[in-house]
Amino acid sequence: MLVTVVFIGIISIIGEILLRIRIGGNSKDNKAQLITILAGIAFLLLGYLVYPLLKLAISRKREFLADAGAVELTKDNHAMISALRKISGNSSVPTARKNVAMFFIESPTSTSSRHSDPEERTK
């Protein structure tokens, strides 16, 4: 993932440099200037549109491989399915302390907004 992020940054910087060189320069060769500007725009499009989508795809694949690895370690796929269902239904962890809340994806101490029944929130 680090290599992907660095690669995205390098591509974006190259695009910025190409645009800034040719837009600010006083070149009389219009064809070379146009090619450089188009290359800069292409690099920027890669850096800001295509590669972040690639990064998300890699992240999703790593998440899938982590779940598959957990099933392989435990040798019980039903336990993994059950655990994923439990955490997807209610993300609140009432026993979590506020000083560790930063390690959670969602706030662990807030009540889940998925439950419409007030009695269900208190459970």
PDB file of N, CA and C in Angstrom:
ATOM      1  N   MET A   1       0.827  -1.183   0.000  1.00  0.00           N
ATOM      2  CA  MET A   1       0.000   0.000   0.000  1.00  0.00           C
ATOM      3  C   MET A   1       0.878   1.256   0.000  1.00  0.00           C
ATOM      4  N   LEU A   2       1.966   1.209   0.726  1.00  0.00           N
ATOM      5  CA  LEU A   2       2.881   2.349   0.764  1.00  0.00           C
ATOM      6  C   LEU A   2       3.460   2.616  -0.620  1.00  0.00           C
ATOM      7  N   VAL A   3       3.825   1.573  -1.332  1.00  0.00           N
ATOM      8  CA  VAL A   3       4.378   1.725  -2.677  1.00  0.00           C
ATOM      9  C   VAL A   3       3.338   2.364  -3.593  1.00  0.00           C
ATOM     10  N   THR A   4       2.093   1.967  -3.463  1.00  0.00           N
ATOM     11  CA  THR A   4       1.019   2.531  -4.280  1.00  0.00           C
ATOM     12  C   THR A   4       0.846   4.017  -4.003  1.00  0.00           C
ATOM     13  N   VAL A   5       0.839   4.395  -2.743  1.00  0.00           N
ATOM     14  CA  VAL A   5       0.669   5.803  -2.373  1.00  0.00           C
ATOM     15  C   VAL A   5       1.850   6.632  -2.878  1.00  0.00           C
ATOM     16  N   VAL A   6       3.060   6.116  -2.745  1.00  0.00           N
ATOM     17  CA  VAL A   6       4.238   6.837  -3.235  1.00  0.00           C
ATOM     18  C   VAL A   6       4.174   6.978  -4.755  1.00  0.00           C
ATOM     19  N   PHE A   7       3.762   5.926  -5.438  1.00  0.00           N
ATOM     20  CA  PHE A   7       3.647   5.962  -6.887  1.00  0.00           C
ATOM     21  C   PHE A   7       2.615   7.002  -7.320  1.00  0.00           C
ATOM     22  N   ILE A   8       1.490   7.067  -6.630  1.00  0.00           N
ATOM     23  CA  ILE A   8       0.466   8.067  -6.937  1.00  0.00           C
ATOM     24  C   ILE A   8       1.038   9.476  -6.748  1.00  0.00           C
ATOM     25  N   GLY A   9       1.765   9.674  -5.671  1.00  0.00           N
ATOM     26  CA  GLY A   9       2.368  10.986  -5.414  1.00  0.00           C
ATOM     27  C   GLY A   9       3.373  11.392  -6.471  1.00  0.00           C
ATOM     28  N   ILE A  10       4.208  10.456  -6.899  1.00  0.00           N
ATOM     29  CA  ILE A  10       5.217  10.754  -7.916  1.00  0.00           C
ATOM     30  C   ILE A  10       4.546  11.123  -9.241  1.00  0.00           C
ATOM     31  N   ILE A  11       3.540  10.358  -9.642  1.00  0.00           N
ATOM     32  CA  ILE A  11       2.824  10.649 -10.890  1.00  0.00           C
ATOM     33  C   ILE A  11       2.174  12.030 -10.825  1.00  0.00           C
ATOM     34  N   SER A  12       1.568  12.369  -9.707  1.00  0.00           N
ATOM     35  CA  SER A  12       0.928  13.680  -9.556  1.00  0.00           C
ATOM     36  C   SER A  12       1.945  14.810  -9.610  1.00  0.00           C
ATOM     37  N   ILE A  13       3.081  14.623  -8.975  1.00  0.00           N
ATOM     38  CA  ILE A  13       4.128  15.649  -8.987  1.00  0.00           C
ATOM     39  C   ILE A  13       4.687  15.839 -10.389  1.00  0.00           C
ATOM     40  N   ILE A  14       4.892  14.750 -11.130  1.00  0.00           N
ATOM     41  CA  ILE A  14       5.380  14.860 -12.509  1.00  0.00           C
ATOM     42  C   ILE A  14       4.382  15.653 -13.353  1.00  0.00           C
ATOM     43  N   GLY A  15       3.095  15.377 -13.179  1.00  0.00           N
ATOM     44  CA  GLY A  15       2.074  16.129 -13.909  1.00  0.00           C
ATOM     45  C   GLY A  15       2.100  17.609 -13.576  1.00  0.00           C
ATOM     46  N   GLU A  16       2.226  17.931 -12.302  1.00  0.00           N
ATOM     47  CA  GLU A  16       2.302  19.342 -11.882  1.00  0.00           C
ATOM     48  C   GLU A  16       3.534  20.020 -12.479  1.00  0.00           C
ATOM     49  N   ILE A  17       4.678  19.345 -12.447  1.00  0.00           N
ATOM     50  CA  ILE A  17       5.918  19.917 -12.982  1.00  0.00           C
ATOM     51  C   ILE A  17       5.790  20.168 -14.482  1.00  0.00           C
ATOM     52  N   LEU A  18       5.251  19.193 -15.224  1.00  0.00           N
ATOM     53  CA  LEU A  18       5.098  19.361 -16.665  1.00  0.00           C
ATOM     54  C   LEU A  18       4.192  20.538 -17.004  1.00  0.00           C
ATOM     55  N   LEU A  19       3.113  20.683 -16.266  1.00  0.00           N
ATOM     56  CA  LEU A  19       2.217  21.812 -16.524  1.00  0.00           C
ATOM     57  C   LEU A  19       2.872  23.145 -16.180  1.00  0.00           C
ATOM     58  N   ARG A  20       3.550  23.196 -15.079  1.00  0.00           N
ATOM     59  CA  ARG A  20       4.153  24.459 -14.649  1.00  0.00           C
ATOM     60  C   ARG A  20       5.325  24.874 -15.535  1.00  0.00           C
ATOM     61  N   ILE A  21       6.068  23.908 -16.045  1.00  0.00           N
ATOM     62  CA  ILE A  21       7.208  24.234 -16.919  1.00  0.00           C
ATOM     63  C   ILE A  21       6.698  24.865 -18.211  1.00  0.00           C
ATOM     64  N   ARG A  22       5.711  24.242 -18.828  1.00  0.00           N
ATOM     65  CA  ARG A  22       5.273  24.700 -20.144  1.00  0.00           C
ATOM     66  C   ARG A  22       4.323  25.881 -20.084  1.00  0.00           C
ATOM     67  N   ILE A  23       3.515  25.995 -19.076  1.00  0.00           N
ATOM     68  CA  ILE A  23       2.606  27.137 -18.989  1.00  0.00           C
ATOM     69  C   ILE A  23       3.387  28.400 -18.653  1.00  0.00           C
ATOM     70  N   GLY A  24       4.381  28.287 -17.806  1.00  0.00           N
ATOM     71  CA  GLY A  24       5.166  29.446 -17.411  1.00  0.00           C
ATOM     72  C   GLY A  24       6.321  29.748 -18.347  1.00  0.00           C
ATOM     73  N   GLY A  25       6.679  28.815 -19.212  1.00  0.00           N
ATOM     74  CA  GLY A  25       7.825  29.006 -20.089  1.00  0.00           C
ATOM     75  C   GLY A  25       7.504  29.865 -21.299  1.00  0.00           C
ATOM     76  N   ASN A  26       8.552  30.353 -21.968  1.00  0.00           N
ATOM     77  CA  ASN A  26       8.403  31.186 -23.159  1.00  0.00           C
ATOM     78  C   ASN A  26       8.903  30.449 -24.389  1.00  0.00           C
ATOM     79  N   SER A  27       8.435  29.243 -24.581  1.00  0.00           N
ATOM     80  CA  SER A  27       8.880  28.448 -25.715  1.00  0.00           C
ATOM     81  C   SER A  27       8.151  28.882 -26.976  1.00  0.00           C
ATOM     82  N   LYS A  28       8.914  28.967 -28.102  1.00  0.00           N
ATOM     83  CA  LYS A  28       8.301  29.334 -29.381  1.00  0.00           C
ATOM     84  C   LYS A  28       7.806  28.107 -30.129  1.00  0.00           C
ATOM     85  N   ASP A  29       8.160  26.925 -29.647  1.00  0.00           N
ATOM     86  CA  ASP A  29       7.734  25.683 -30.283  1.00  0.00           C
ATOM     87  C   ASP A  29       6.369  25.289 -29.720  1.00  0.00           C
ATOM     88  N   ASN A  30       5.309  25.692 -30.429  1.00  0.00           N
ATOM     89  CA  ASN A  30       3.955  25.462 -29.938  1.00  0.00           C
ATOM     90  C   ASN A  30       3.600  23.987 -29.885  1.00  0.00           C
ATOM     91  N   LYS A  31       4.129  23.188 -30.827  1.00  0.00           N
ATOM     92  CA  LYS A  31       3.805  21.764 -30.856  1.00  0.00           C
ATOM     93  C   LYS A  31       4.388  21.058 -29.626  1.00  0.00           C
ATOM     94  N   ALA A  32       5.632  21.361 -29.273  1.00  0.00           N
ATOM     95  CA  ALA A  32       6.253  20.758 -28.089  1.00  0.00           C
ATOM     96  C   ALA A  32       5.551  21.225 -26.817  1.00  0.00           C
ATOM     97  N   GLN A  33       5.140  22.487 -26.798  1.00  0.00           N
ATOM     98  CA  GLN A  33       4.446  23.015 -25.626  1.00  0.00           C
ATOM     99  C   GLN A  33       3.092  22.323 -25.455  1.00  0.00           C
ATOM    100  N   LEU A  34       2.371  22.110 -26.544  1.00  0.00           N
ATOM    101  CA  LEU A  34       1.086  21.436 -26.483  1.00  0.00           C
ATOM    102  C   LEU A  34       1.242  19.986 -26.028  1.00  0.00           C
ATOM    103  N   ILE A  35       2.245  19.292 -26.532  1.00  0.00           N
ATOM    104  CA  ILE A  35       2.491  17.902 -26.129  1.00  0.00           C
ATOM    105  C   ILE A  35       2.826  17.828 -24.646  1.00  0.00           C
ATOM    106  N   THR A  36       3.641  18.745 -24.159  1.00  0.00           N
ATOM    107  CA  THR A  36       4.009  18.750 -22.748  1.00  0.00           C
ATOM    108  C   THR A  36       2.804  19.047 -21.864  1.00  0.00           C
ATOM    109  N   ILE A  37       1.972  19.976 -22.287  1.00  0.00           N
ATOM    110  CA  ILE A  37       0.773  20.296 -21.504  1.00  0.00           C
ATOM    111  C   ILE A  37      -0.176  19.106 -21.482  1.00  0.00           C
ATOM    112  N   LEU A  38      -0.374  18.460 -22.627  1.00  0.00           N
ATOM    113  CA  LEU A  38      -1.241  17.284 -22.667  1.00  0.00           C
ATOM    114  C   LEU A  38      -0.686  16.138 -21.825  1.00  0.00           C
ATOM    115  N   ALA A  39       0.632  15.957 -21.832  1.00  0.00           N
ATOM    116  CA  ALA A  39       1.251  14.930 -20.983  1.00  0.00           C
ATOM    117  C   ALA A  39       1.050  15.270 -19.508  1.00  0.00           C
ATOM    118  N   GLY A  40       1.188  16.545 -19.160  1.00  0.00           N
ATOM    119  CA  GLY A  40       0.964  16.968 -17.781  1.00  0.00           C
ATOM    120  C   GLY A  40      -0.464  16.724 -17.335  1.00  0.00           C
ATOM    121  N   ILE A  41      -1.413  17.024 -18.217  1.00  0.00           N
ATOM    122  CA  ILE A  41      -2.820  16.782 -17.887  1.00  0.00           C
ATOM    123  C   ILE A  41      -3.079  15.286 -17.743  1.00  0.00           C
ATOM    124  N   ALA A  42      -2.472  14.475 -18.622  1.00  0.00           N
ATOM    125  CA  ALA A  42      -2.648  13.021 -18.530  1.00  0.00           C
ATOM    126  C   ALA A  42      -2.098  12.488 -17.209  1.00  0.00           C
ATOM    127  N   PHE A  43      -0.917  12.970 -16.801  1.00  0.00           N
ATOM    128  CA  PHE A  43      -0.342  12.532 -15.526  1.00  0.00           C
ATOM    129  C   PHE A  43      -1.218  12.971 -14.354  1.00  0.00           C
ATOM    130  N   LEU A  44      -1.761  14.179 -14.427  1.00  0.00           N
ATOM    131  CA  LEU A  44      -2.632  14.645 -13.349  1.00  0.00           C
ATOM    132  C   LEU A  44      -3.915  13.819 -13.282  1.00  0.00           C
ATOM    133  N   LEU A  45      -4.479  13.487 -14.435  1.00  0.00           N
ATOM    134  CA  LEU A  45      -5.672  12.641 -14.435  1.00  0.00           C
ATOM    135  C   LEU A  45      -5.365  11.271 -13.837  1.00  0.00           C
ATOM    136  N   LEU A  46      -4.204  10.726 -14.178  1.00  0.00           N
ATOM    137  CA  LEU A  46      -3.805   9.445 -13.577  1.00  0.00           C
ATOM    138  C   LEU A  46      -3.651   9.587 -12.071  1.00  0.00           C
ATOM    139  N   GLY A  47      -2.979  10.646 -11.657  1.00  0.00           N
ATOM    140  CA  GLY A  47      -2.686  10.829 -10.243  1.00  0.00           C
ATOM    141  C   GLY A  47      -3.897  11.123  -9.394  1.00  0.00           C
ATOM    142  N   TYR A  48      -4.846  11.876  -9.938  1.00  0.00           N
ATOM    143  CA  TYR A  48      -5.982  12.300  -9.121  1.00  0.00           C
ATOM    144  C   TYR A  48      -7.253  11.499  -9.339  1.00  0.00           C
ATOM    145  N   LEU A  49      -7.370  10.761 -10.443  1.00  0.00           N
ATOM    146  CA  LEU A  49      -8.599  10.017 -10.700  1.00  0.00           C
ATOM    147  C   LEU A  49      -8.403   8.502 -10.749  1.00  0.00           C
ATOM    148  N   VAL A  50      -7.448   8.055 -11.534  1.00  0.00           N
ATOM    149  CA  VAL A  50      -7.301   6.623 -11.772  1.00  0.00           C
ATOM    150  C   VAL A  50      -6.621   5.919 -10.603  1.00  0.00           C
ATOM    151  N   TYR A  51      -5.509   6.436 -10.151  1.00  0.00           N
ATOM    152  CA  TYR A  51      -4.757   5.741  -9.114  1.00  0.00           C
ATOM    153  C   TYR A  51      -5.454   5.699  -7.756  1.00  0.00           C
ATOM    154  N   PRO A  52      -6.214   6.723  -7.339  1.00  0.00           N
ATOM    155  CA  PRO A  52      -6.979   6.540  -6.094  1.00  0.00           C
ATOM    156  C   PRO A  52      -7.991   5.395  -6.179  1.00  0.00           C
ATOM    157  N   LEU A  53      -8.586   5.205  -7.358  1.00  0.00           N
ATOM    158  CA  LEU A  53      -9.483   4.060  -7.522  1.00  0.00           C
ATOM    159  C   LEU A  53      -8.709   2.754  -7.426  1.00  0.00           C
ATOM    160  N   LEU A  54      -7.508   2.745  -7.981  1.00  0.00           N
ATOM    161  CA  LEU A  54      -6.649   1.570  -7.864  1.00  0.00           C
ATOM    162  C   LEU A  54      -6.287   1.307  -6.404  1.00  0.00           C
ATOM    163  N   LYS A  55      -6.025   2.369  -5.663  1.00  0.00           N
ATOM    164  CA  LYS A  55      -5.700   2.239  -4.241  1.00  0.00           C
ATOM    165  C   LYS A  55      -6.874   1.650  -3.465  1.00  0.00           C
ATOM    166  N   LEU A  56      -8.090   2.084  -3.797  1.00  0.00           N
ATOM    167  CA  LEU A  56      -9.274   1.529  -3.138  1.00  0.00           C
ATOM    168  C   LEU A  56      -9.453   0.046  -3.475  1.00  0.00           C
ATOM    169  N   ALA A  57      -9.169  -0.315  -4.724  1.00  0.00           N
ATOM    170  CA  ALA A  57      -9.287  -1.722  -5.118  1.00  0.00           C
ATOM    171  C   ALA A  57      -8.270  -2.581  -4.377  1.00  0.00           C
ATOM    172  N   ILE A  58      -7.066  -2.080  -4.222  1.00  0.00           N
ATOM    173  CA  ILE A  58      -6.031  -2.821  -3.484  1.00  0.00           C
ATOM    174  C   ILE A  58      -6.440  -2.963  -2.023  1.00  0.00           C
ATOM    175  N   SER A  59      -6.993  -1.905  -1.453  1.00  0.00           N
ATOM    176  CA  SER A  59      -7.435  -1.956  -0.068  1.00  0.00           C
ATOM    177  C   SER A  59      -8.536  -2.987   0.127  1.00  0.00           C
ATOM    178  N   ARG A  60      -9.475  -3.023  -0.816  1.00  0.00           N
ATOM    179  CA  ARG A  60     -10.567  -4.004  -0.730  1.00  0.00           C
ATOM    180  C   ARG A  60     -10.026  -5.427  -0.841  1.00  0.00           C
ATOM    181  N   LYS A  61      -9.061  -5.630  -1.717  1.00  0.00           N
ATOM    182  CA  LYS A  61      -8.481  -6.964  -1.872  1.00  0.00           C
ATOM    183  C   LYS A  61      -7.746  -7.383  -0.592  1.00  0.00           C
ATOM    184  N   ARG A  62      -7.029  -6.447   0.017  1.00  0.00           N
ATOM    185  CA  ARG A  62      -6.319  -6.760   1.263  1.00  0.00           C
ATOM    186  C   ARG A  62      -7.298  -7.103   2.375  1.00  0.00           C
ATOM    187  N   GLU A  63      -8.427  -6.409   2.417  1.00  0.00           N
ATOM    188  CA  GLU A  63      -9.443  -6.708   3.419  1.00  0.00           C
ATOM    189  C   GLU A  63     -10.006  -8.116   3.210  1.00  0.00           C
ATOM    190  N   PHE A  64     -10.265  -8.463   1.954  1.00  0.00           N
ATOM    191  CA  PHE A  64     -10.766  -9.802   1.646  1.00  0.00           C
ATOM    192  C   PHE A  64      -9.734 -10.857   2.034  1.00  0.00           C
ATOM    193  N   LEU A  65      -8.457 -10.605   1.715  1.00  0.00           N
ATOM    194  CA  LEU A  65      -7.411 -11.573   2.067  1.00  0.00           C
ATOM    195  C   LEU A  65      -7.248 -11.699   3.578  1.00  0.00           C
ATOM    196  N   ALA A  66      -7.457 -10.615   4.315  1.00  0.00           N
ATOM    197  CA  ALA A  66      -7.382 -10.686   5.778  1.00  0.00           C
ATOM    198  C   ALA A  66      -8.505 -11.558   6.334  1.00  0.00           C
ATOM    199  N   ASP A  67      -9.705 -11.401   5.790  1.00  0.00           N
ATOM    200  CA  ASP A  67     -10.817 -12.245   6.232  1.00  0.00           C
ATOM    201  C   ASP A  67     -10.580 -13.708   5.868  1.00  0.00           C
ATOM    202  N   ALA A  68     -10.063 -13.942   4.674  1.00  0.00           N
ATOM    203  CA  ALA A  68      -9.771 -15.322   4.255  1.00  0.00           C
ATOM    204  C   ALA A  68      -8.665 -15.921   5.122  1.00  0.00           C
ATOM    205  N   GLY A  69      -7.676 -15.113   5.492  1.00  0.00           N
ATOM    206  CA  GLY A  69      -6.612 -15.587   6.374  1.00  0.00           C
ATOM    207  C   GLY A  69      -7.125 -15.918   7.763  1.00  0.00           C
ATOM    208  N   ALA A  70      -8.080 -15.127   8.250  1.00  0.00           N
ATOM    209  CA  ALA A  70      -8.668 -15.410   9.564  1.00  0.00           C
ATOM    210  C   ALA A  70      -9.442 -16.723   9.540  1.00  0.00           C
ATOM    211  N   VAL A  71     -10.148 -16.970   8.457  1.00  0.00           N
ATOM    212  CA  VAL A  71     -10.872 -18.243   8.330  1.00  0.00           C
ATOM    213  C   VAL A  71      -9.880 -19.397   8.263  1.00  0.00           C
ATOM    214  N   GLU A  72      -8.783 -19.200   7.552  1.00  0.00           N
ATOM    215  CA  GLU A  72      -7.767 -20.259   7.437  1.00  0.00           C
ATOM    216  C   GLU A  72      -7.114 -20.553   8.789  1.00  0.00           C
ATOM    217  N   LEU A  73      -6.876 -19.507   9.575  1.00  0.00           N
ATOM    218  CA  LEU A  73      -6.265 -19.703  10.891  1.00  0.00           C
ATOM    219  C   LEU A  73      -7.207 -20.398  11.864  1.00  0.00           C
ATOM    220  N   THR A  74      -8.463 -20.005  11.858  1.00  0.00           N
ATOM    221  CA  THR A  74      -9.403 -20.568  12.828  1.00  0.00           C
ATOM    222  C   THR A  74      -9.993 -21.892  12.373  1.00  0.00           C
ATOM    223  N   LYS A  75      -9.914 -22.167  11.089  1.00  0.00           N
ATOM    224  CA  LYS A  75     -10.469 -23.408  10.507  1.00  0.00           C
ATOM    225  C   LYS A  75     -11.975 -23.519  10.725  1.00  0.00           C
ATOM    226  N   ASP A  76     -12.640 -22.364  10.959  1.00  0.00           N
ATOM    227  CA  ASP A  76     -14.077 -22.372  11.202  1.00  0.00           C
ATOM    228  C   ASP A  76     -14.690 -21.166  10.500  1.00  0.00           C
ATOM    229  N   ASN A  77     -15.171 -21.389   9.278  1.00  0.00           N
ATOM    230  CA  ASN A  77     -15.716 -20.264   8.529  1.00  0.00           C
ATOM    231  C   ASN A  77     -17.042 -19.776   9.104  1.00  0.00           C
ATOM    232  N   HIS A  78     -17.792 -20.632   9.778  1.00  0.00           N
ATOM    233  CA  HIS A  78     -19.059 -20.209  10.378  1.00  0.00           C
ATOM    234  C   HIS A  78     -18.833 -19.237  11.530  1.00  0.00           C
ATOM    235  N   ALA A  79     -17.759 -19.403  12.269  1.00  0.00           N
ATOM    236  CA  ALA A  79     -17.446 -18.464  13.347  1.00  0.00           C
ATOM    237  C   ALA A  79     -17.107 -17.089  12.780  1.00  0.00           C
ATOM    238  N   MET A  80     -16.385 -17.057  11.664  1.00  0.00           N
ATOM    239  CA  MET A  80     -16.043 -15.783  11.037  1.00  0.00           C
ATOM    240  C   MET A  80     -17.290 -15.092  10.497  1.00  0.00           C
ATOM    241  N   ILE A  81     -18.163 -15.858   9.871  1.00  0.00           N
ATOM    242  CA  ILE A  81     -19.414 -15.292   9.358  1.00  0.00           C
ATOM    243  C   ILE A  81     -20.249 -14.733  10.500  1.00  0.00           C
ATOM    244  N   SER A  82     -20.319 -15.465  11.585  1.00  0.00           N
ATOM    245  CA  SER A  82     -21.084 -15.018  12.746  1.00  0.00           C
ATOM    246  C   SER A  82     -20.494 -13.736  13.333  1.00  0.00           C
ATOM    247  N   ALA A  83     -19.176 -13.667  13.440  1.00  0.00           N
ATOM    248  CA  ALA A  83     -18.525 -12.474  13.988  1.00  0.00           C
ATOM    249  C   ALA A  83     -18.759 -11.258  13.094  1.00  0.00           C
ATOM    250  N   LEU A  84     -18.659 -11.441  11.784  1.00  0.00           N
ATOM    251  CA  LEU A  84     -18.882 -10.320  10.875  1.00  0.00           C
ATOM    252  C   LEU A  84     -20.330  -9.841  10.927  1.00  0.00           C
ATOM    253  N   ARG A  85     -21.256 -10.759  11.079  1.00  0.00           N
ATOM    254  CA  ARG A  85     -22.664 -10.358  11.208  1.00  0.00           C
ATOM    255  C   ARG A  85     -22.903  -9.588  12.499  1.00  0.00           C
ATOM    256  N   LYS A  86     -22.250 -10.026  13.580  1.00  0.00           N
ATOM    257  CA  LYS A  86     -22.434  -9.341  14.859  1.00  0.00           C
ATOM    258  C   LYS A  86     -21.915  -7.913  14.804  1.00  0.00           C
ATOM    259  N   ILE A  87     -20.743  -7.707  14.233  1.00  0.00           N
ATOM    260  CA  ILE A  87     -20.187  -6.349  14.217  1.00  0.00           C
ATOM    261  C   ILE A  87     -20.850  -5.475  13.166  1.00  0.00           C
ATOM    262  N   SER A  88     -21.465  -6.066  12.147  1.00  0.00           N
ATOM    263  CA  SER A  88     -22.139  -5.235  11.153  1.00  0.00           C
ATOM    264  C   SER A  88     -23.502  -4.767  11.652  1.00  0.00           C
ATOM    265  N   GLY A  89     -24.087  -5.484  12.583  1.00  0.00           N
ATOM    266  CA  GLY A  89     -25.404  -5.116  13.094  1.00  0.00           C
ATOM    267  C   GLY A  89     -25.377  -3.979  14.079  1.00  0.00           C
ATOM    268  N   ASN A  90     -24.348  -3.907  14.917  1.00  0.00           N
ATOM    269  CA  ASN A  90     -24.282  -2.877  15.942  1.00  0.00           C
ATOM    270  C   ASN A  90     -22.819  -2.557  16.191  1.00  0.00           C
ATOM    271  N   SER A  91     -22.446  -1.328  15.892  1.00  0.00           N
ATOM    272  CA  SER A  91     -21.042  -0.951  16.013  1.00  0.00           C
ATOM    273  C   SER A  91     -20.692  -0.340  17.366  1.00  0.00           C
ATOM    274  N   SER A  92     -21.667  -0.178  18.246  1.00  0.00           N
ATOM    275  CA  SER A  92     -21.361   0.440  19.535  1.00  0.00           C
ATOM    276  C   SER A  92     -20.743  -0.588  20.485  1.00  0.00           C
ATOM    277  N   VAL A  93     -19.749  -0.125  21.211  1.00  0.00           N
ATOM    278  CA  VAL A  93     -19.065  -0.946  22.211  1.00  0.00           C
ATOM    279  C   VAL A  93     -19.180  -0.184  23.528  1.00  0.00           C
ATOM    280  N   PRO A  94     -20.182  -0.507  24.344  1.00  0.00           N
ATOM    281  CA  PRO A  94     -20.421   0.299  25.544  1.00  0.00           C
ATOM    282  C   PRO A  94     -19.297   0.214  26.571  1.00  0.00           C
ATOM    283  N   THR A  95     -18.495  -0.830  26.545  1.00  0.00           N
ATOM    284  CA  THR A  95     -17.431  -0.959  27.531  1.00  0.00           C
ATOM    285  C   THR A  95     -16.145  -0.256  27.105  1.00  0.00           C
ATOM    286  N   ALA A  96     -16.107   0.306  25.893  1.00  0.00           N
ATOM    287  CA  ALA A  96     -14.896   0.984  25.415  1.00  0.00           C
ATOM    288  C   ALA A  96     -14.714   2.313  26.130  1.00  0.00           C
ATOM    289  N   ARG A  97     -13.480   2.586  26.501  1.00  0.00           N
ATOM    290  CA  ARG A  97     -13.168   3.853  27.154  1.00  0.00           C
ATOM    291  C   ARG A  97     -12.928   4.934  26.105  1.00  0.00           C
ATOM    292  N   LYS A  98     -13.132   6.173  26.468  1.00  0.00           N
ATOM    293  CA  LYS A  98     -12.980   7.284  25.525  1.00  0.00           C
ATOM    294  C   LYS A  98     -11.535   7.454  25.062  1.00  0.00           C
ATOM    295  N   ASN A  99     -10.561   7.048  25.846  1.00  0.00           N
ATOM    296  CA  ASN A  99      -9.170   7.242  25.448  1.00  0.00           C
ATOM    297  C   ASN A  99      -8.709   6.239  24.380  1.00  0.00           C
ATOM    298  N   VAL A 100      -9.498   5.228  24.078  1.00  0.00           N
ATOM    299  CA  VAL A 100      -9.158   4.308  22.992  1.00  0.00           C
ATOM    300  C   VAL A 100     -10.132   4.454  21.820  1.00  0.00           C
ATOM    301  N   ALA A 101     -11.038   5.424  21.884  1.00  0.00           N
ATOM    302  CA  ALA A 101     -12.038   5.606  20.833  1.00  0.00           C
ATOM    303  C   ALA A 101     -11.400   5.943  19.492  1.00  0.00           C
ATOM    304  N   MET A 102     -10.218   6.529  19.486  1.00  0.00           N
ATOM    305  CA  MET A 102      -9.560   6.905  18.226  1.00  0.00           C
ATOM    306  C   MET A 102      -9.146   5.693  17.401  1.00  0.00           C
ATOM    307  N   PHE A 103      -9.081   4.522  17.994  1.00  0.00           N
ATOM    308  CA  PHE A 103      -8.668   3.323  17.274  1.00  0.00           C
ATOM    309  C   PHE A 103      -9.829   2.639  16.551  1.00  0.00           C
ATOM    310  N   PHE A 104     -11.050   3.117  16.765  1.00  0.00           N
ATOM    311  CA  PHE A 104     -12.232   2.539  16.140  1.00  0.00           C
ATOM    312  C   PHE A 104     -12.553   3.280  14.845  1.00  0.00           C
ATOM    313  N   ILE A 105     -13.203   2.591  13.915  1.00  0.00           N
ATOM    314  CA  ILE A 105     -13.626   3.233  12.676  1.00  0.00           C
ATOM    315  C   ILE A 105     -14.771   4.191  12.962  1.00  0.00           C
ATOM    316  N   GLU A 106     -15.767   3.743  13.721  1.00  0.00           N
ATOM    317  CA  GLU A 106     -16.863   4.596  14.166  1.00  0.00           C
ATOM    318  C   GLU A 106     -16.690   4.850  15.653  1.00  0.00           C
ATOM    319  N   SER A 107     -17.390   5.850  16.158  1.00  0.00           N
ATOM    320  CA  SER A 107     -17.316   6.124  17.585  1.00  0.00           C
ATOM    321  C   SER A 107     -17.905   4.943  18.352  1.00  0.00           C
ATOM    322  N   PRO A 108     -17.121   4.282  19.202  1.00  0.00           N
ATOM    323  CA  PRO A 108     -17.613   3.073  19.867  1.00  0.00           C
ATOM    324  C   PRO A 108     -18.605   3.344  20.985  1.00  0.00           C
ATOM    325  N   THR A 109     -18.635   4.558  21.486  1.00  0.00           N
ATOM    326  CA  THR A 109     -19.499   4.843  22.628  1.00  0.00           C
ATOM    327  C   THR A 109     -20.843   5.407  22.228  1.00  0.00           C
ATOM    328  N   SER A 110     -21.007   5.807  20.960  1.00  0.00           N
ATOM    329  CA  SER A 110     -22.298   6.350  20.545  1.00  0.00           C
ATOM    330  C   SER A 110     -23.268   5.218  20.250  1.00  0.00           C
ATOM    331  N   THR A 111     -24.545   5.522  20.408  1.00  0.00           N
ATOM    332  CA  THR A 111     -25.557   4.517  20.105  1.00  0.00           C
ATOM    333  C   THR A 111     -25.716   4.437  18.604  1.00  0.00           C
ATOM    334  N   SER A 112     -26.040   3.272  18.134  1.00  0.00           N
ATOM    335  CA  SER A 112     -26.169   3.047  16.700  1.00  0.00           C
ATOM    336  C   SER A 112     -27.431   3.711  16.182  1.00  0.00           C
ATOM    337  N   SER A 113     -27.318   4.408  15.060  1.00  0.00           N
ATOM    338  CA  SER A 113     -28.484   5.077  14.480  1.00  0.00           C
ATOM    339  C   SER A 113     -29.319   4.121  13.654  1.00  0.00           C
ATOM    340  N   ARG A 114     -28.899   2.882  13.522  1.00  0.00           N
ATOM    341  CA  ARG A 114     -29.640   1.911  12.728  1.00  0.00           C
ATOM    342  C   ARG A 114     -30.883   1.426  13.458  1.00  0.00           C
ATOM    343  N   HIS A 115     -30.883   1.518  14.768  1.00  0.00           N
ATOM    344  CA  HIS A 115     -32.014   1.021  15.535  1.00  0.00           C
ATOM    345  C   HIS A 115     -33.036   2.133  15.702  1.00  0.00           C
ATOM    346  N   SER A 116     -34.270   1.866  15.306  1.00  0.00           N
ATOM    347  CA  SER A 116     -35.314   2.863  15.453  1.00  0.00           C
ATOM    348  C   SER A 116     -36.064   2.736  16.766  1.00  0.00           C
ATOM    349  N   ASP A 117     -35.992   1.565  17.383  1.00  0.00           N
ATOM    350  CA  ASP A 117     -36.691   1.316  18.627  1.00  0.00           C
ATOM    351  C   ASP A 117     -35.834   1.808  19.803  1.00  0.00           C
ATOM    352  N   PRO A 118     -36.340   2.700  20.682  1.00  0.00           N
ATOM    353  CA  PRO A 118     -35.542   3.207  21.789  1.00  0.00           C
ATOM    354  C   PRO A 118     -35.105   2.109  22.765  1.00  0.00           C
ATOM    355  N   GLU A 119     -35.920   1.079  22.935  1.00  0.00           N
ATOM    356  CA  GLU A 119     -35.530  -0.020  23.828  1.00  0.00           C
ATOM    357  C   GLU A 119     -34.363  -0.802  23.261  1.00  0.00           C
ATOM    358  N   GLU A 120     -34.301  -0.856  21.936  1.00  0.00           N
ATOM    359  CA  GLU A 120     -33.218  -1.597  21.273  1.00  0.00           C
ATOM    360  C   GLU A 120     -31.876  -0.895  21.480  1.00  0.00           C
ATOM    361  N   ARG A 121     -31.883   0.454  21.590  1.00  0.00           N
ATOM    362  CA  ARG A 121     -30.645   1.217  21.766  1.00  0.00           C
ATOM    363  C   ARG A 121     -30.020   0.982  23.135  1.00  0.00           C
ATOM    364  N   THR A 122     -30.830   0.713  24.119  1.00  0.00           N
ATOM    365  CA  THR A 122     -30.306   0.550  25.465  1.00  0.00           C
ATOM    366  C   THR A 122     -29.731  -0.821  25.711  1.00  0.00           C
ATOM    367  N   LYS A 123     -29.953  -1.757  24.849  1.00  0.00           N
ATOM    368  CA  LYS A 123     -29.453  -3.120  25.049  1.00  0.00           C
ATOM    369  C   LYS A 123     -28.000  -3.228  24.748  1.00  0.00           C
TER     370      LYS A 123
END
